mmCIF file of all heavy atoms, coordinates in Angstrom:
data_MODEL
# 
_entry.id   MODEL 
# 
loop_
_atom_site.group_PDB 
_atom_site.id 
_atom_site.type_symbol 
_atom_site.label_atom_id 
_atom_site.label_alt_id 
_atom_site.label_comp_id 
_atom_site.label_asym_id 
_atom_site.label_entity_id 
_atom_site.label_seq_id 
_atom_site.pdbx_PDB_ins_code 
_atom_site.Cartn_x 
_atom_site.Cartn_y 
_atom_site.Cartn_z 
_atom_site.occupancy 
_atom_site.B_iso_or_equiv 
_atom_site.pdbx_formal_charge 
_atom_site.auth_seq_id 
_atom_site.auth_comp_id 
_atom_site.auth_asym_id 
_atom_site.auth_atom_id 
_atom_site.pdbx_PDB_model_num 
ATOM 1   N N   . VAL A 1 1  ? -23.004 -5.334  -10.029 1.00 0.00 ? 1  VAL A N   1 
ATOM 2   C CA  . VAL A 1 1  ? -22.207 -6.426  -9.483  1.00 0.00 ? 1  VAL A CA  1 
ATOM 3   C C   . VAL A 1 1  ? -22.719 -6.823  -8.106  1.00 0.00 ? 1  VAL A C   1 
ATOM 4   O O   . VAL A 1 1  ? -22.853 -5.985  -7.212  1.00 0.00 ? 1  VAL A O   1 
ATOM 5   C CB  . VAL A 1 1  ? -20.728 -6.038  -9.396  1.00 0.00 ? 1  VAL A CB  1 
ATOM 6   C CG1 . VAL A 1 1  ? -19.930 -7.146  -8.715  1.00 0.00 ? 1  VAL A CG1 1 
ATOM 7   C CG2 . VAL A 1 1  ? -20.170 -5.780  -10.783 1.00 0.00 ? 1  VAL A CG2 1 
ATOM 8   N N   . GLN A 1 2  ? -22.989 -8.102  -7.949  1.00 0.00 ? 2  GLN A N   1 
ATOM 9   C CA  . GLN A 1 2  ? -23.496 -8.616  -6.692  1.00 0.00 ? 2  GLN A CA  1 
ATOM 10  C C   . GLN A 1 2  ? -23.097 -10.075 -6.527  1.00 0.00 ? 2  GLN A C   1 
ATOM 11  O O   . GLN A 1 2  ? -23.191 -10.866 -7.465  1.00 0.00 ? 2  GLN A O   1 
ATOM 12  C CB  . GLN A 1 2  ? -25.011 -8.484  -6.631  1.00 0.00 ? 2  GLN A CB  1 
ATOM 13  C CG  . GLN A 1 2  ? -25.613 -8.883  -5.300  1.00 0.00 ? 2  GLN A CG  1 
ATOM 14  C CD  . GLN A 1 2  ? -27.114 -8.659  -5.251  1.00 0.00 ? 2  GLN A CD  1 
ATOM 15  O OE1 . GLN A 1 2  ? -27.749 -8.347  -6.254  1.00 0.00 ? 2  GLN A OE1 1 
ATOM 16  N NE2 . GLN A 1 2  ? -27.692 -8.826  -4.076  1.00 0.00 ? 2  GLN A NE2 1 
ATOM 17  N N   . LEU A 1 3  ? -22.650 -10.424 -5.328  1.00 0.00 ? 3  LEU A N   1 
ATOM 18  C CA  . LEU A 1 3  ? -22.313 -11.794 -4.979  1.00 0.00 ? 3  LEU A CA  1 
ATOM 19  C C   . LEU A 1 3  ? -23.040 -12.144 -3.689  1.00 0.00 ? 3  LEU A C   1 
ATOM 20  O O   . LEU A 1 3  ? -22.888 -11.447 -2.692  1.00 0.00 ? 3  LEU A O   1 
ATOM 21  C CB  . LEU A 1 3  ? -20.805 -11.960 -4.782  1.00 0.00 ? 3  LEU A CB  1 
ATOM 22  C CG  . LEU A 1 3  ? -19.899 -11.602 -5.962  1.00 0.00 ? 3  LEU A CG  1 
ATOM 23  C CD1 . LEU A 1 3  ? -18.437 -11.647 -5.536  1.00 0.00 ? 3  LEU A CD1 1 
ATOM 24  C CD2 . LEU A 1 3  ? -20.143 -12.552 -7.123  1.00 0.00 ? 3  LEU A CD2 1 
ATOM 25  N N   . VAL A 1 4  ? -23.803 -13.216 -3.706  1.00 0.00 ? 4  VAL A N   1 
ATOM 26  C CA  . VAL A 1 4  ? -24.598 -13.607 -2.553  1.00 0.00 ? 4  VAL A CA  1 
ATOM 27  C C   . VAL A 1 4  ? -24.307 -15.059 -2.206  1.00 0.00 ? 4  VAL A C   1 
ATOM 28  O O   . VAL A 1 4  ? -24.620 -15.960 -2.982  1.00 0.00 ? 4  VAL A O   1 
ATOM 29  C CB  . VAL A 1 4  ? -26.100 -13.418 -2.804  1.00 0.00 ? 4  VAL A CB  1 
ATOM 30  C CG1 . VAL A 1 4  ? -26.888 -13.821 -1.562  1.00 0.00 ? 4  VAL A CG1 1 
ATOM 31  C CG2 . VAL A 1 4  ? -26.405 -11.978 -3.180  1.00 0.00 ? 4  VAL A CG2 1 
ATOM 32  N N   . GLU A 1 5  ? -23.714 -15.267 -1.028  1.00 0.00 ? 5  GLU A N   1 
ATOM 33  C CA  . GLU A 1 5  ? -23.384 -16.615 -0.571  1.00 0.00 ? 5  GLU A CA  1 
ATOM 34  C C   . GLU A 1 5  ? -24.526 -17.220 0.235   1.00 0.00 ? 5  GLU A C   1 
ATOM 35  O O   . GLU A 1 5  ? -25.298 -16.500 0.874   1.00 0.00 ? 5  GLU A O   1 
ATOM 36  C CB  . GLU A 1 5  ? -22.123 -16.601 0.305   1.00 0.00 ? 5  GLU A CB  1 
ATOM 37  C CG  . GLU A 1 5  ? -20.891 -16.000 -0.349  1.00 0.00 ? 5  GLU A CG  1 
ATOM 38  C CD  . GLU A 1 5  ? -20.646 -14.573 0.092   1.00 0.00 ? 5  GLU A CD  1 
ATOM 39  O OE1 . GLU A 1 5  ? -21.635 -13.864 0.413   1.00 0.00 ? 5  GLU A OE1 1 
ATOM 40  O OE2 . GLU A 1 5  ? -19.475 -14.158 0.131   1.00 0.00 ? 5  GLU A OE2 1 
ATOM 41  N N   . SER A 1 6  ? -24.577 -18.542 0.238   1.00 0.00 ? 6  SER A N   1 
ATOM 42  C CA  . SER A 1 6  ? -25.539 -19.259 1.050   1.00 0.00 ? 6  SER A CA  1 
ATOM 43  C C   . SER A 1 6  ? -25.018 -20.670 1.303   1.00 0.00 ? 6  SER A C   1 
ATOM 44  O O   . SER A 1 6  ? -24.091 -21.125 0.640   1.00 0.00 ? 6  SER A O   1 
ATOM 45  C CB  . SER A 1 6  ? -26.913 -19.316 0.380   1.00 0.00 ? 6  SER A CB  1 
ATOM 46  O OG  . SER A 1 6  ? -26.850 -20.012 -0.849  1.00 0.00 ? 6  SER A OG  1 
ATOM 47  N N   . GLY A 1 7  ? -25.616 -21.356 2.258   1.00 0.00 ? 7  GLY A N   1 
ATOM 48  C CA  . GLY A 1 7  ? -25.279 -22.745 2.517   1.00 0.00 ? 7  GLY A CA  1 
ATOM 49  C C   . GLY A 1 7  ? -24.455 -23.007 3.752   1.00 0.00 ? 7  GLY A C   1 
ATOM 50  O O   . GLY A 1 7  ? -24.204 -24.169 4.088   1.00 0.00 ? 7  GLY A O   1 
ATOM 51  N N   . GLY A 1 8  ? -24.028 -21.972 4.438   1.00 0.00 ? 8  GLY A N   1 
ATOM 52  C CA  . GLY A 1 8  ? -23.251 -22.162 5.643   1.00 0.00 ? 8  GLY A CA  1 
ATOM 53  C C   . GLY A 1 8  ? -24.100 -22.713 6.776   1.00 0.00 ? 8  GLY A C   1 
ATOM 54  O O   . GLY A 1 8  ? -25.330 -22.722 6.711   1.00 0.00 ? 8  GLY A O   1 
ATOM 55  N N   . GLY A 1 9  ? -23.431 -23.172 7.820   1.00 0.00 ? 9  GLY A N   1 
ATOM 56  C CA  . GLY A 1 9  ? -24.134 -23.714 8.961   1.00 0.00 ? 9  GLY A CA  1 
ATOM 57  C C   . GLY A 1 9  ? -23.226 -24.509 9.859   1.00 0.00 ? 9  GLY A C   1 
ATOM 58  O O   . GLY A 1 9  ? -22.004 -24.459 9.741   1.00 0.00 ? 9  GLY A O   1 
ATOM 59  N N   . LEU A 1 10 ? -23.834 -25.254 10.767  1.00 0.00 ? 10 LEU A N   1 
ATOM 60  C CA  . LEU A 1 10 ? -23.107 -26.091 11.719  1.00 0.00 ? 10 LEU A CA  1 
ATOM 61  C C   . LEU A 1 10 ? -23.076 -27.530 11.230  1.00 0.00 ? 10 LEU A C   1 
ATOM 62  O O   . LEU A 1 10 ? -24.109 -28.092 10.856  1.00 0.00 ? 10 LEU A O   1 
ATOM 63  C CB  . LEU A 1 10 ? -23.771 -26.022 13.093  1.00 0.00 ? 10 LEU A CB  1 
ATOM 64  C CG  . LEU A 1 10 ? -23.217 -26.930 14.183  1.00 0.00 ? 10 LEU A CG  1 
ATOM 65  C CD1 . LEU A 1 10 ? -21.784 -26.534 14.519  1.00 0.00 ? 10 LEU A CD1 1 
ATOM 66  C CD2 . LEU A 1 10 ? -24.098 -26.864 15.414  1.00 0.00 ? 10 LEU A CD2 1 
ATOM 67  N N   . VAL A 1 11 ? -21.891 -28.120 11.248  1.00 0.00 ? 11 VAL A N   1 
ATOM 68  C CA  . VAL A 1 11 ? -21.730 -29.501 10.815  1.00 0.00 ? 11 VAL A CA  1 
ATOM 69  C C   . VAL A 1 11 ? -20.690 -30.179 11.702  1.00 0.00 ? 11 VAL A C   1 
ATOM 70  O O   . VAL A 1 11 ? -19.770 -29.534 12.199  1.00 0.00 ? 11 VAL A O   1 
ATOM 71  C CB  . VAL A 1 11 ? -21.316 -29.565 9.327   1.00 0.00 ? 11 VAL A CB  1 
ATOM 72  C CG1 . VAL A 1 11 ? -19.956 -28.920 9.111   1.00 0.00 ? 11 VAL A CG1 1 
ATOM 73  C CG2 . VAL A 1 11 ? -21.318 -30.992 8.815   1.00 0.00 ? 11 VAL A CG2 1 
ATOM 74  N N   . GLN A 1 12 ? -20.845 -31.477 11.909  1.00 0.00 ? 12 GLN A N   1 
ATOM 75  C CA  . GLN A 1 12 ? -19.897 -32.227 12.720  1.00 0.00 ? 12 GLN A CA  1 
ATOM 76  C C   . GLN A 1 12 ? -18.642 -32.568 11.935  1.00 0.00 ? 12 GLN A C   1 
ATOM 77  O O   . GLN A 1 12 ? -18.677 -32.651 10.705  1.00 0.00 ? 12 GLN A O   1 
ATOM 78  C CB  . GLN A 1 12 ? -20.543 -33.518 13.227  1.00 0.00 ? 12 GLN A CB  1 
ATOM 79  C CG  . GLN A 1 12 ? -21.677 -33.294 14.207  1.00 0.00 ? 12 GLN A CG  1 
ATOM 80  C CD  . GLN A 1 12 ? -22.210 -34.590 14.788  1.00 0.00 ? 12 GLN A CD  1 
ATOM 81  O OE1 . GLN A 1 12 ? -21.917 -35.671 14.294  1.00 0.00 ? 12 GLN A OE1 1 
ATOM 82  N NE2 . GLN A 1 12 ? -22.985 -34.477 15.845  1.00 0.00 ? 12 GLN A NE2 1 
ATOM 83  N N   . PRO A 1 13 ? -17.523 -32.769 12.622  1.00 0.00 ? 13 PRO A N   1 
ATOM 84  C CA  . PRO A 1 13 ? -16.307 -33.192 11.931  1.00 0.00 ? 13 PRO A CA  1 
ATOM 85  C C   . PRO A 1 13 ? -16.559 -34.440 11.102  1.00 0.00 ? 13 PRO A C   1 
ATOM 86  O O   . PRO A 1 13 ? -17.226 -35.375 11.550  1.00 0.00 ? 13 PRO A O   1 
ATOM 87  C CB  . PRO A 1 13 ? -15.328 -33.465 13.074  1.00 0.00 ? 13 PRO A CB  1 
ATOM 88  C CG  . PRO A 1 13 ? -15.793 -32.567 14.171  1.00 0.00 ? 13 PRO A CG  1 
ATOM 89  C CD  . PRO A 1 13 ? -17.298 -32.572 14.067  1.00 0.00 ? 13 PRO A CD  1 
ATOM 90  N N   . GLY A 1 14 ? -16.020 -34.441 9.889   1.00 0.00 ? 14 GLY A N   1 
ATOM 91  C CA  . GLY A 1 14 ? -16.234 -35.545 8.973   1.00 0.00 ? 14 GLY A CA  1 
ATOM 92  C C   . GLY A 1 14 ? -17.452 -35.383 8.096   1.00 0.00 ? 14 GLY A C   1 
ATOM 93  O O   . GLY A 1 14 ? -17.637 -36.156 7.145   1.00 0.00 ? 14 GLY A O   1 
ATOM 94  N N   . GLY A 1 15 ? -18.267 -34.392 8.383   1.00 0.00 ? 15 GLY A N   1 
ATOM 95  C CA  . GLY A 1 15 ? -19.467 -34.146 7.617   1.00 0.00 ? 15 GLY A CA  1 
ATOM 96  C C   . GLY A 1 15 ? -19.217 -33.352 6.357   1.00 0.00 ? 15 GLY A C   1 
ATOM 97  O O   . GLY A 1 15 ? -18.079 -33.017 6.024   1.00 0.00 ? 15 GLY A O   1 
ATOM 98  N N   . SER A 1 16 ? -20.300 -33.037 5.653   1.00 0.00 ? 16 SER A N   1 
ATOM 99  C CA  . SER A 1 16 ? -20.223 -32.328 4.384   1.00 0.00 ? 16 SER A CA  1 
ATOM 100 C C   . SER A 1 16 ? -21.162 -31.139 4.358   1.00 0.00 ? 16 SER A C   1 
ATOM 101 O O   . SER A 1 16 ? -22.172 -31.096 5.071   1.00 0.00 ? 16 SER A O   1 
ATOM 102 C CB  . SER A 1 16 ? -20.575 -33.265 3.224   1.00 0.00 ? 16 SER A CB  1 
ATOM 103 O OG  . SER A 1 16 ? -19.669 -34.347 3.121   1.00 0.00 ? 16 SER A OG  1 
ATOM 104 N N   . LEU A 1 17 ? -20.831 -30.195 3.500   1.00 0.00 ? 17 LEU A N   1 
ATOM 105 C CA  . LEU A 1 17 ? -21.628 -29.000 3.330   1.00 0.00 ? 17 LEU A CA  1 
ATOM 106 C C   . LEU A 1 17 ? -21.365 -28.457 1.935   1.00 0.00 ? 17 LEU A C   1 
ATOM 107 O O   . LEU A 1 17 ? -20.245 -28.584 1.419   1.00 0.00 ? 17 LEU A O   1 
ATOM 108 C CB  . LEU A 1 17 ? -21.244 -27.960 4.378   1.00 0.00 ? 17 LEU A CB  1 
ATOM 109 C CG  . LEU A 1 17 ? -22.281 -26.956 4.881   1.00 0.00 ? 17 LEU A CG  1 
ATOM 110 C CD1 . LEU A 1 17 ? -23.471 -27.668 5.501   1.00 0.00 ? 17 LEU A CD1 1 
ATOM 111 C CD2 . LEU A 1 17 ? -21.634 -26.031 5.901   1.00 0.00 ? 17 LEU A CD2 1 
ATOM 112 N N   . ARG A 1 18 ? -22.376 -27.858 1.318   1.00 0.00 ? 18 ARG A N   1 
ATOM 113 C CA  . ARG A 1 18 ? -22.186 -27.229 0.018   1.00 0.00 ? 18 ARG A CA  1 
ATOM 114 C C   . ARG A 1 18 ? -22.563 -25.763 0.083   1.00 0.00 ? 18 ARG A C   1 
ATOM 115 O O   . ARG A 1 18 ? -23.678 -25.409 0.463   1.00 0.00 ? 18 ARG A O   1 
ATOM 116 C CB  . ARG A 1 18 ? -23.017 -27.915 -1.074  1.00 0.00 ? 18 ARG A CB  1 
ATOM 117 C CG  . ARG A 1 18 ? -22.656 -27.404 -2.479  1.00 0.00 ? 18 ARG A CG  1 
ATOM 118 C CD  . ARG A 1 18 ? -23.401 -28.110 -3.587  1.00 0.00 ? 18 ARG A CD  1 
ATOM 119 N NE  . ARG A 1 18 ? -24.761 -27.610 -3.745  1.00 0.00 ? 18 ARG A NE  1 
ATOM 120 C CZ  . ARG A 1 18 ? -25.479 -27.733 -4.849  1.00 0.00 ? 18 ARG A CZ  1 
ATOM 121 N NH1 . ARG A 1 18 ? -24.956 -28.341 -5.913  1.00 0.00 ? 18 ARG A NH1 1 
ATOM 122 N NH2 . ARG A 1 18 ? -26.715 -27.278 -4.895  1.00 0.00 ? 18 ARG A NH2 1 
ATOM 123 N N   . LEU A 1 19 ? -21.630 -24.921 -0.302  1.00 0.00 ? 19 LEU A N   1 
ATOM 124 C CA  . LEU A 1 19 ? -21.855 -23.487 -0.360  1.00 0.00 ? 19 LEU A CA  1 
ATOM 125 C C   . LEU A 1 19 ? -22.203 -23.069 -1.782  1.00 0.00 ? 19 LEU A C   1 
ATOM 126 O O   . LEU A 1 19 ? -21.728 -23.659 -2.750  1.00 0.00 ? 19 LEU A O   1 
ATOM 127 C CB  . LEU A 1 19 ? -20.617 -22.721 0.097   1.00 0.00 ? 19 LEU A CB  1 
ATOM 128 C CG  . LEU A 1 19 ? -20.046 -23.075 1.468   1.00 0.00 ? 19 LEU A CG  1 
ATOM 129 C CD1 . LEU A 1 19 ? -18.858 -22.171 1.779   1.00 0.00 ? 19 LEU A CD1 1 
ATOM 130 C CD2 . LEU A 1 19 ? -21.114 -22.963 2.547   1.00 0.00 ? 19 LEU A CD2 1 
ATOM 131 N N   . SER A 1 20 ? -23.022 -22.036 -1.889  1.00 0.00 ? 20 SER A N   1 
ATOM 132 C CA  . SER A 1 20 ? -23.397 -21.501 -3.185  1.00 0.00 ? 20 SER A CA  1 
ATOM 133 C C   . SER A 1 20 ? -23.113 -20.009 -3.234  1.00 0.00 ? 20 SER A C   1 
ATOM 134 O O   . SER A 1 20 ? -23.212 -19.320 -2.217  1.00 0.00 ? 20 SER A O   1 
ATOM 135 C CB  . SER A 1 20 ? -24.888 -21.732 -3.463  1.00 0.00 ? 20 SER A CB  1 
ATOM 136 O OG  . SER A 1 20 ? -25.206 -23.099 -3.492  1.00 0.00 ? 20 SER A OG  1 
ATOM 137 N N   . CYS A 1 21 ? -22.778 -19.527 -4.408  1.00 0.00 ? 21 CYS A N   1 
ATOM 138 C CA  . CYS A 1 21 ? -22.561 -18.102 -4.629  1.00 0.00 ? 21 CYS A CA  1 
ATOM 139 C C   . CYS A 1 21 ? -23.265 -17.706 -5.910  1.00 0.00 ? 21 CYS A C   1 
ATOM 140 O O   . CYS A 1 21 ? -22.847 -18.107 -7.000  1.00 0.00 ? 21 CYS A O   1 
ATOM 141 C CB  . CYS A 1 21 ? -21.069 -17.788 -4.718  1.00 0.00 ? 21 CYS A CB  1 
ATOM 142 S SG  . CYS A 1 21 ? -20.704 -16.074 -5.188  1.00 0.00 ? 21 CYS A SG  1 
ATOM 143 N N   . ALA A 1 22 ? -24.331 -16.942 -5.766  1.00 0.00 ? 22 ALA A N   1 
ATOM 144 C CA  . ALA A 1 22 ? -25.055 -16.426 -6.921  1.00 0.00 ? 22 ALA A CA  1 
ATOM 145 C C   . ALA A 1 22 ? -24.430 -15.104 -7.340  1.00 0.00 ? 22 ALA A C   1 
ATOM 146 O O   . ALA A 1 22 ? -24.363 -14.167 -6.545  1.00 0.00 ? 22 ALA A O   1 
ATOM 147 C CB  . ALA A 1 22 ? -26.527 -16.238 -6.581  1.00 0.00 ? 22 ALA A CB  1 
ATOM 148 N N   . ALA A 1 23 ? -23.969 -15.037 -8.574  1.00 0.00 ? 23 ALA A N   1 
ATOM 149 C CA  . ALA A 1 23 ? -23.226 -13.886 -9.058  1.00 0.00 ? 23 ALA A CA  1 
ATOM 150 C C   . ALA A 1 23 ? -23.958 -13.143 -10.158 1.00 0.00 ? 23 ALA A C   1 
ATOM 151 O O   . ALA A 1 23 ? -24.811 -13.701 -10.847 1.00 0.00 ? 23 ALA A O   1 
ATOM 152 C CB  . ALA A 1 23 ? -21.852 -14.317 -9.570  1.00 0.00 ? 23 ALA A CB  1 
ATOM 153 N N   . SER A 1 24 ? -23.608 -11.875 -10.327 1.00 0.00 ? 24 SER A N   1 
ATOM 154 C CA  . SER A 1 24 ? -24.150 -11.084 -11.419 1.00 0.00 ? 24 SER A CA  1 
ATOM 155 C C   . SER A 1 24 ? -23.623 -11.610 -12.743 1.00 0.00 ? 24 SER A C   1 
ATOM 156 O O   . SER A 1 24 ? -22.446 -11.942 -12.865 1.00 0.00 ? 24 SER A O   1 
ATOM 157 C CB  . SER A 1 24 ? -23.773 -9.619  -11.266 1.00 0.00 ? 24 SER A CB  1 
ATOM 158 O OG  . SER A 1 24 ? -24.263 -9.087  -10.054 1.00 0.00 ? 24 SER A OG  1 
ATOM 159 N N   . ARG A 1 25 ? -24.471 -11.656 -13.729 1.00 0.00 ? 25 ARG A N   1 
ATOM 160 C CA  . ARG A 1 25 ? -24.087 -12.146 -15.044 1.00 0.00 ? 25 ARG A CA  1 
ATOM 161 C C   . ARG A 1 25 ? -22.945 -11.329 -15.651 1.00 0.00 ? 25 ARG A C   1 
ATOM 162 O O   . ARG A 1 25 ? -22.117 -11.864 -16.379 1.00 0.00 ? 25 ARG A O   1 
ATOM 163 C CB  . ARG A 1 25 ? -25.297 -12.132 -15.985 1.00 0.00 ? 25 ARG A CB  1 
ATOM 164 C CG  . ARG A 1 25 ? -25.031 -12.746 -17.355 1.00 0.00 ? 25 ARG A CG  1 
ATOM 165 C CD  . ARG A 1 25 ? -26.265 -12.672 -18.232 1.00 0.00 ? 25 ARG A CD  1 
ATOM 166 N NE  . ARG A 1 25 ? -27.382 -13.382 -17.652 1.00 0.00 ? 25 ARG A NE  1 
ATOM 167 C CZ  . ARG A 1 25 ? -27.614 -14.679 -17.809 1.00 0.00 ? 25 ARG A CZ  1 
ATOM 168 N NH1 . ARG A 1 25 ? -26.789 -15.416 -18.543 1.00 0.00 ? 25 ARG A NH1 1 
ATOM 169 N NH2 . ARG A 1 25 ? -28.661 -15.248 -17.244 1.00 0.00 ? 25 ARG A NH2 1 
# 
């Protein structure tokens, strides 16, 4: 079992961001 997040960062108010989580099958 493993969960790995990615996609975080700095963004201005009103902006957009997409997070990803790669999971064990």
